[in-house]
Amino acid sequence: MHYTDIKAEIPDERGAENVTIRWLITKKDGARNFAMRLFELQKGGCSPWHQHDWEHEVFVLEGRGKLVTERGEEELKQGD
């Protein structure tokens, strides 16, 4: 299955702007402790600050952005 076959959804998080999410791997796929999601942000888009009790990784396929963590801000670019 190609990732574009999975519906791009608008997140229901308050503060999310100009962003869609595709749930690539979930519990429905048998992944009990893991989820893979593809976020597509348009210019000026953001996912609001939030925290999890689990690990959270970010990989940038294309473009540039900023990641904000408890350690501060980090500029991101393609391949980061």
PDB file of N, CA and C in Angstrom:
ATOM      1  N   MET A   1       0.848  -1.175   0.000  1.00  0.00           N
ATOM      2  CA  MET A   1       0.000   0.000   0.000  1.00  0.00           C
ATOM      3  C   MET A   1       0.897   1.242   0.000  1.00  0.00           C
ATOM      4  N   HIS A   2       0.562   2.211  -0.794  1.00  0.00           N
ATOM      5  CA  HIS A   2       1.287   3.483  -0.837  1.00  0.00           C
ATOM      6  C   HIS A   2       0.701   4.415   0.215  1.00  0.00           C
ATOM      7  N   TYR A   3       1.543   5.243   0.801  1.00  0.00           N
ATOM      8  CA  TYR A   3       1.048   6.112   1.873  1.00  0.00           C
ATOM      9  C   TYR A   3      -0.078   7.035   1.412  1.00  0.00           C
ATOM     10  N   THR A   4      -0.109   7.387   0.139  1.00  0.00           N
ATOM     11  CA  THR A   4      -1.177   8.271  -0.339  1.00  0.00           C
ATOM     12  C   THR A   4      -2.522   7.552  -0.424  1.00  0.00           C
ATOM     13  N   ASP A   5      -2.508   6.214  -0.289  1.00  0.00           N
ATOM     14  CA  ASP A   5      -3.756   5.457  -0.241  1.00  0.00           C
ATOM     15  C   ASP A   5      -4.450   5.610   1.114  1.00  0.00           C
ATOM     16  N   ILE A   6      -3.717   6.121   2.102  1.00  0.00           N
ATOM     17  CA  ILE A   6      -4.261   6.329   3.442  1.00  0.00           C
ATOM     18  C   ILE A   6      -4.782   7.758   3.532  1.00  0.00           C
ATOM     19  N   LYS A   7      -5.993   7.898   4.008  1.00  0.00           N
ATOM     20  CA  LYS A   7      -6.653   9.208   4.067  1.00  0.00           C
ATOM     21  C   LYS A   7      -5.877  10.184   4.950  1.00  0.00           C
ATOM     22  N   ALA A   8      -5.658  11.383   4.433  1.00  0.00           N
ATOM     23  CA  ALA A   8      -5.067  12.466   5.222  1.00  0.00           C
ATOM     24  C   ALA A   8      -6.183  13.094   6.048  1.00  0.00           C
ATOM     25  N   GLU A   9      -6.016  13.075   7.365  1.00  0.00           N
ATOM     26  CA  GLU A   9      -7.033  13.596   8.275  1.00  0.00           C
ATOM     27  C   GLU A   9      -6.577  14.905   8.897  1.00  0.00           C
ATOM     28  N   ILE A  10      -7.529  15.714   9.274  1.00  0.00           N
ATOM     29  CA  ILE A  10      -7.227  16.944  10.002  1.00  0.00           C
ATOM     30  C   ILE A  10      -7.203  16.591  11.487  1.00  0.00           C
ATOM     31  N   PRO A  11      -6.084  16.842  12.182  1.00  0.00           N
ATOM     32  CA  PRO A  11      -6.017  16.506  13.611  1.00  0.00           C
ATOM     33  C   PRO A  11      -7.075  17.255  14.409  1.00  0.00           C
ATOM     34  N   ASP A  12      -7.572  16.605  15.472  1.00  0.00           N
ATOM     35  CA  ASP A  12      -8.590  17.252  16.299  1.00  0.00           C
ATOM     36  C   ASP A  12      -7.973  17.987  17.486  1.00  0.00           C
ATOM     37  N   GLU A  13      -6.655  18.155  17.486  1.00  0.00           N
ATOM     38  CA  GLU A  13      -5.989  18.870  18.565  1.00  0.00           C
ATOM     39  C   GLU A  13      -6.239  20.370  18.440  1.00  0.00           C
ATOM     40  N   ARG A  14      -6.608  20.982  19.542  1.00  0.00           N
ATOM     41  CA  ARG A  14      -6.775  22.432  19.542  1.00  0.00           C
ATOM     42  C   ARG A  14      -5.417  23.078  19.295  1.00  0.00           C
ATOM     43  N   GLY A  15      -5.354  24.004  18.368  1.00  0.00           N
ATOM     44  CA  GLY A  15      -4.102  24.688  18.069  1.00  0.00           C
ATOM     45  C   GLY A  15      -3.382  24.155  16.845  1.00  0.00           C
ATOM     46  N   ALA A  16      -3.827  23.000  16.323  1.00  0.00           N
ATOM     47  CA  ALA A  16      -3.222  22.469  15.099  1.00  0.00           C
ATOM     48  C   ALA A  16      -3.676  23.336  13.930  1.00  0.00           C
ATOM     49  N   GLU A  17      -2.719  23.763  13.117  1.00  0.00           N
ATOM     50  CA  GLU A  17      -3.052  24.639  11.996  1.00  0.00           C
ATOM     51  C   GLU A  17      -2.343  24.182  10.732  1.00  0.00           C
ATOM     52  N   ASN A  18      -3.054  24.173   9.634  1.00  0.00           N
ATOM     53  CA  ASN A  18      -2.492  23.848   8.317  1.00  0.00           C
ATOM     54  C   ASN A  18      -1.671  22.559   8.341  1.00  0.00           C
ATOM     55  N   VAL A  19      -2.227  21.522   8.947  1.00  0.00           N
ATOM     56  CA  VAL A  19      -1.528  20.244   9.064  1.00  0.00           C
ATOM     57  C   VAL A  19      -2.520  19.103   8.856  1.00  0.00           C
ATOM     58  N   THR A  20      -2.054  18.039   8.215  1.00  0.00           N
ATOM     59  CA  THR A  20      -2.836  16.802   8.111  1.00  0.00           C
ATOM     60  C   THR A  20      -1.985  15.658   8.640  1.00  0.00           C
ATOM     61  N   ILE A  21      -2.647  14.562   8.980  1.00  0.00           N
ATOM     62  CA  ILE A  21      -1.972  13.392   9.530  1.00  0.00           C
ATOM     63  C   ILE A  21      -2.474  12.147   8.813  1.00  0.00           C
ATOM     64  N   ARG A  22      -1.550  11.254   8.508  1.00  0.00           N
ATOM     65  CA  ARG A  22      -1.887   9.943   7.949  1.00  0.00           C
ATOM     66  C   ARG A  22      -1.375   8.897   8.939  1.00  0.00           C
ATOM     67  N   TRP A  23      -2.249   8.028   9.393  1.00  0.00           N
ATOM     68  CA  TRP A  23      -1.891   6.969  10.340  1.00  0.00           C
ATOM     69  C   TRP A  23      -1.387   5.778   9.530  1.00  0.00           C
ATOM     70  N   LEU A  24      -0.069   5.637   9.410  1.00  0.00           N
ATOM     71  CA  LEU A  24       0.537   4.615   8.562  1.00  0.00           C
ATOM     72  C   LEU A  24       0.581   3.244   9.224  1.00  0.00           C
ATOM     73  N   ILE A  25       0.933   3.198  10.506  1.00  0.00           N
ATOM     74  CA  ILE A  25       0.963   1.939  11.269  1.00  0.00           C
ATOM     75  C   ILE A  25       0.302   2.206  12.613  1.00  0.00           C
ATOM     76  N   THR A  26      -0.667   1.356  12.983  1.00  0.00           N
ATOM     77  CA  THR A  26      -1.412   1.543  14.233  1.00  0.00           C
ATOM     78  C   THR A  26      -1.653   0.195  14.906  1.00  0.00           C
ATOM     79  N   LYS A  27      -2.388   0.216  15.990  1.00  0.00           N
ATOM     80  CA  LYS A  27      -2.773  -1.016  16.679  1.00  0.00           C
ATOM     81  C   LYS A  27      -3.571  -1.932  15.759  1.00  0.00           C
ATOM     82  N   LYS A  28      -4.321  -1.339  14.827  1.00  0.00           N
ATOM     83  CA  LYS A  28      -5.088  -2.145  13.875  1.00  0.00           C
ATOM     84  C   LYS A  28      -4.186  -3.018  13.009  1.00  0.00           C
ATOM     85  N   ASP A  29      -2.920  -2.608  12.888  1.00  0.00           N
ATOM     86  CA  ASP A  29      -1.941  -3.368  12.108  1.00  0.00           C
ATOM     87  C   ASP A  29      -1.166  -4.349  12.978  1.00  0.00           C
ATOM     88  N   GLY A  30      -1.522  -4.429  14.258  1.00  0.00           N
ATOM     89  CA  GLY A  30      -0.841  -5.335  15.175  1.00  0.00           C
ATOM     90  C   GLY A  30       0.299  -4.683  15.946  1.00  0.00           C
ATOM     91  N   ALA A  31       0.473  -3.390  15.794  1.00  0.00           N
ATOM     92  CA  ALA A  31       1.535  -2.672  16.504  1.00  0.00           C
ATOM     93  C   ALA A  31       1.003  -2.237  17.870  1.00  0.00           C
ATOM     94  N   ARG A  32       1.333  -2.996  18.906  1.00  0.00           N
ATOM     95  CA  ARG A  32       0.801  -2.712  20.239  1.00  0.00           C
ATOM     96  C   ARG A  32       1.492  -1.547  20.932  1.00  0.00           C
ATOM     97  N   ASN A  33       2.775  -1.335  20.629  1.00  0.00           N
ATOM     98  CA  ASN A  33       3.547  -0.308  21.328  1.00  0.00           C
ATOM     99  C   ASN A  33       4.132   0.735  20.386  1.00  0.00           C
ATOM    100  N   PHE A  34       3.531   0.891  19.236  1.00  0.00           N
ATOM    101  CA  PHE A  34       4.147   1.735  18.218  1.00  0.00           C
ATOM    102  C   PHE A  34       3.083   2.316  17.306  1.00  0.00           C
ATOM    103  N   ALA A  35       3.312   3.526  16.856  1.00  0.00           N
ATOM    104  CA  ALA A  35       2.469   4.129  15.822  1.00  0.00           C
ATOM    105  C   ALA A  35       3.379   4.915  14.890  1.00  0.00           C
ATOM    106  N   MET A  36       3.148   4.793  13.603  1.00  0.00           N
ATOM    107  CA  MET A  36       3.875   5.609  12.638  1.00  0.00           C
ATOM    108  C   MET A  36       2.869   6.517  11.961  1.00  0.00           C
ATOM    109  N   ARG A  37       3.157   7.809  12.030  1.00  0.00           N
ATOM    110  CA  ARG A  37       2.252   8.795  11.465  1.00  0.00           C
ATOM    111  C   ARG A  37       3.040   9.705  10.540  1.00  0.00           C
ATOM    112  N   LEU A  38       2.390  10.154   9.496  1.00  0.00           N
ATOM    113  CA  LEU A  38       2.993  11.112   8.577  1.00  0.00           C
ATOM    114  C   LEU A  38       2.225  12.420   8.702  1.00  0.00           C
ATOM    115  N   PHE A  39       2.920  13.447   9.156  1.00  0.00           N
ATOM    116  CA  PHE A  39       2.331  14.776   9.249  1.00  0.00           C
ATOM    117  C   PHE A  39       2.754  15.571   8.026  1.00  0.00           C
ATOM    118  N   GLU A  40       1.808  16.241   7.408  1.00  0.00           N
ATOM    119  CA  GLU A  40       2.105  17.113   6.279  1.00  0.00           C
ATOM    120  C   GLU A  40       1.684  18.523   6.670  1.00  0.00           C
ATOM    121  N   LEU A  41       2.676  19.387   6.814  1.00  0.00           N
ATOM    122  CA  LEU A  41       2.432  20.764   7.236  1.00  0.00           C
ATOM    123  C   LEU A  41       2.600  21.696   6.052  1.00  0.00           C
ATOM    124  N   GLN A  42       1.638  22.572   5.895  1.00  0.00           N
ATOM    125  CA  GLN A  42       1.739  23.620   4.887  1.00  0.00           C
ATOM    126  C   GLN A  42       2.507  24.791   5.508  1.00  0.00           C
ATOM    127  N   LYS A  43       2.886  25.757   4.695  1.00  0.00           N
ATOM    128  CA  LYS A  43       3.610  26.919   5.201  1.00  0.00           C
ATOM    129  C   LYS A  43       2.816  27.549   6.342  1.00  0.00           C
ATOM    130  N   GLY A  44       3.488  27.781   7.452  1.00  0.00           N
ATOM    131  CA  GLY A  44       2.836  28.355   8.626  1.00  0.00           C
ATOM    132  C   GLY A  44       2.103  27.329   9.474  1.00  0.00           C
ATOM    133  N   GLY A  45       2.131  26.056   9.070  1.00  0.00           N
ATOM    134  CA  GLY A  45       1.429  25.012   9.805  1.00  0.00           C
ATOM    135  C   GLY A  45       2.135  24.634  11.094  1.00  0.00           C
ATOM    136  N   CYS A  46       1.367  24.081  12.038  1.00  0.00           N
ATOM    137  CA  CYS A  46       1.968  23.651  13.300  1.00  0.00           C
ATOM    138  C   CYS A  46       1.108  22.594  13.974  1.00  0.00           C
ATOM    139  N   SER A  47       1.781  21.820  14.787  1.00  0.00           N
ATOM    140  CA  SER A  47       1.139  20.905  15.717  1.00  0.00           C
ATOM    141  C   SER A  47       1.405  21.507  17.090  1.00  0.00           C
ATOM    142  N   PRO A  48       0.399  21.700  17.922  1.00  0.00           N
ATOM    143  CA  PRO A  48       0.609  22.402  19.188  1.00  0.00           C
ATOM    144  C   PRO A  48       1.508  21.632  20.151  1.00  0.00           C
ATOM    145  N   TRP A  49       2.106  22.361  21.076  1.00  0.00           N
ATOM    146  CA  TRP A  49       2.946  21.763  22.116  1.00  0.00           C
ATOM    147  C   TRP A  49       2.132  20.731  22.876  1.00  0.00           C
ATOM    148  N   HIS A  50       2.704  19.555  23.050  1.00  0.00           N
ATOM    149  CA  HIS A  50       2.060  18.503  23.832  1.00  0.00           C
ATOM    150  C   HIS A  50       3.142  17.545  24.305  1.00  0.00           C
ATOM    151  N   GLN A  51       2.799  16.676  25.236  1.00  0.00           N
ATOM    152  CA  GLN A  51       3.741  15.704  25.778  1.00  0.00           C
ATOM    153  C   GLN A  51       3.126  14.319  25.740  1.00  0.00           C
ATOM    154  N   HIS A  52       4.010  13.322  25.730  1.00  0.00           N
ATOM    155  CA  HIS A  52       3.593  11.925  25.752  1.00  0.00           C
ATOM    156  C   HIS A  52       4.357  11.185  26.841  1.00  0.00           C
ATOM    157  N   ASP A  53       3.822  10.064  27.270  1.00  0.00           N
ATOM    158  CA  ASP A  53       4.517   9.188  28.204  1.00  0.00           C
ATOM    159  C   ASP A  53       5.388   8.186  27.458  1.00  0.00           C
ATOM    160  N   TRP A  54       5.490   8.334  26.149  1.00  0.00           N
ATOM    161  CA  TRP A  54       6.268   7.410  25.332  1.00  0.00           C
ATOM    162  C   TRP A  54       7.204   8.210  24.430  1.00  0.00           C
ATOM    163  N   GLU A  55       8.136   7.487  23.812  1.00  0.00           N
ATOM    164  CA  GLU A  55       9.065   8.137  22.885  1.00  0.00           C
ATOM    165  C   GLU A  55       8.322   8.721  21.699  1.00  0.00           C
ATOM    166  N   HIS A  56       8.916   9.750  21.134  1.00  0.00           N
ATOM    167  CA  HIS A  56       8.307  10.424  19.987  1.00  0.00           C
ATOM    168  C   HIS A  56       9.449  10.849  19.070  1.00  0.00           C
ATOM    169  N   GLU A  57       9.479  10.325  17.876  1.00  0.00           N
ATOM    170  CA  GLU A  57      10.530  10.654  16.926  1.00  0.00           C
ATOM    171  C   GLU A  57       9.985  11.536  15.812  1.00  0.00           C
ATOM    172  N   VAL A  58      10.875  12.337  15.227  1.00  0.00           N
ATOM    173  CA  VAL A  58      10.528  13.201  14.103  1.00  0.00           C
ATOM    174  C   VAL A  58      11.581  12.993  13.023  1.00  0.00           C
ATOM    175  N   PHE A  59      11.143  12.816  11.778  1.00  0.00           N
ATOM    176  CA  PHE A  59      12.041  12.733  10.631  1.00  0.00           C
ATOM    177  C   PHE A  59      11.476  13.634   9.543  1.00  0.00           C
ATOM    178  N   VAL A  60      12.304  14.520   9.014  1.00  0.00           N
ATOM    179  CA  VAL A  60      11.846  15.494   8.023  1.00  0.00           C
ATOM    180  C   VAL A  60      12.142  14.966   6.624  1.00  0.00           C
ATOM    181  N   LEU A  61      11.091  14.727   5.847  1.00  0.00           N
ATOM    182  CA  LEU A  61      11.249  14.243   4.477  1.00  0.00           C
ATOM    183  C   LEU A  61      11.616  15.370   3.526  1.00  0.00           C
ATOM    184  N   GLU A  62      10.991  16.517   3.705  1.00  0.00           N
ATOM    185  CA  GLU A  62      11.313  17.675   2.867  1.00  0.00           C
ATOM    186  C   GLU A  62      10.890  18.942   3.579  1.00  0.00           C
ATOM    187  N   GLY A  63      11.488  20.047   3.181  1.00  0.00           N
ATOM    188  CA  GLY A  63      11.142  21.332   3.766  1.00  0.00           C
ATOM    189  C   GLY A  63      11.979  21.662   4.988  1.00  0.00           C
ATOM    190  N   ARG A  64      11.514  22.654   5.718  1.00  0.00           N
ATOM    191  CA  ARG A  64      12.197  23.138   6.913  1.00  0.00           C
ATOM    192  C   ARG A  64      11.152  23.371   7.993  1.00  0.00           C
ATOM    193  N   GLY A  65      11.601  23.360   9.229  1.00  0.00           N
ATOM    194  CA  GLY A  65      10.675  23.620  10.316  1.00  0.00           C
ATOM    195  C   GLY A  65      11.405  23.828  11.619  1.00  0.00           C
ATOM    196  N   LYS A  66      10.636  23.880  12.678  1.00  0.00           N
ATOM    197  CA  LYS A  66      11.182  24.099  14.004  1.00  0.00           C
ATOM    198  C   LYS A  66      10.528  23.109  14.955  1.00  0.00           C
ATOM    199  N   LEU A  67      11.351  22.426  15.737  1.00  0.00           N
ATOM    200  CA  LEU A  67      10.871  21.497  16.755  1.00  0.00           C
ATOM    201  C   LEU A  67      11.074  22.158  18.108  1.00  0.00           C
ATOM    202  N   VAL A  68      10.034  22.198  18.918  1.00  0.00           N
ATOM    203  CA  VAL A  68      10.119  22.799  20.241  1.00  0.00           C
ATOM    204  C   VAL A  68       9.995  21.681  21.269  1.00  0.00           C
ATOM    205  N   THR A  69      11.003  21.558  22.132  1.00  0.00           N
ATOM    206  CA  THR A  69      10.995  20.547  23.189  1.00  0.00           C
ATOM    207  C   THR A  69      11.254  21.233  24.523  1.00  0.00           C
ATOM    208  N   GLU A  70      11.267  20.437  25.591  1.00  0.00           N
ATOM    209  CA  GLU A  70      11.564  20.998  26.910  1.00  0.00           C
ATOM    210  C   GLU A  70      12.992  21.533  26.969  1.00  0.00           C
ATOM    211  N   ARG A  71      13.843  21.132  26.023  1.00  0.00           N
ATOM    212  CA  ARG A  71      15.229  21.612  25.969  1.00  0.00           C
ATOM    213  C   ARG A  71      15.369  22.875  25.121  1.00  0.00           C
ATOM    214  N   GLY A  72      14.305  23.309  24.482  1.00  0.00           N
ATOM    215  CA  GLY A  72      14.359  24.512  23.655  1.00  0.00           C
ATOM    216  C   GLY A  72      13.929  24.241  22.227  1.00  0.00           C
ATOM    217  N   GLU A  73      14.298  25.151  21.333  1.00  0.00           N
ATOM    218  CA  GLU A  73      13.918  25.051  19.926  1.00  0.00           C
ATOM    219  C   GLU A  73      15.076  24.510  19.100  1.00  0.00           C
ATOM    220  N   GLU A  74      14.732  23.744  18.070  1.00  0.00           N
ATOM    221  CA  GLU A  74      15.735  23.183  17.170  1.00  0.00           C
ATOM    222  C   GLU A  74      15.245  23.360  15.738  1.00  0.00           C
ATOM    223  N   GLU A  75      16.069  23.958  14.895  1.00  0.00           N
ATOM    224  CA  GLU A  75      15.742  24.110  13.483  1.00  0.00           C
ATOM    225  C   GLU A  75      15.889  22.751  12.806  1.00  0.00           C
ATOM    226  N   LEU A  76      14.931  22.398  11.958  1.00  0.00           N
ATOM    227  CA  LEU A  76      14.958  21.123  11.250  1.00  0.00           C
ATOM    228  C   LEU A  76      14.934  21.368   9.752  1.00  0.00           C
ATOM    229  N   LYS A  77      15.568  20.440   9.019  1.00  0.00           N
ATOM    230  CA  LYS A  77      15.566  20.513   7.561  1.00  0.00           C
ATOM    231  C   LYS A  77      15.473  19.100   7.001  1.00  0.00           C
ATOM    232  N   GLN A  78      15.350  19.009   5.691  1.00  0.00           N
ATOM    233  CA  GLN A  78      15.240  17.712   5.027  1.00  0.00           C
ATOM    234  C   GLN A  78      16.360  16.783   5.487  1.00  0.00           C
ATOM    235  N   GLY A  79      15.989  15.571   5.866  1.00  0.00           N
ATOM    236  CA  GLY A  79      16.948  14.563   6.297  1.00  0.00           C
ATOM    237  C   GLY A  79      17.210  14.527   7.787  1.00  0.00           C
ATOM    238  N   ASP A  80      16.769  15.551   8.521  1.00  0.00           N
ATOM    239  CA  ASP A  80      16.954  15.564   9.985  1.00  0.00           C
ATOM    240  C   ASP A  80      15.947  14.649  10.644  1.00  0.00           C
TER     241      ASP A  80
END
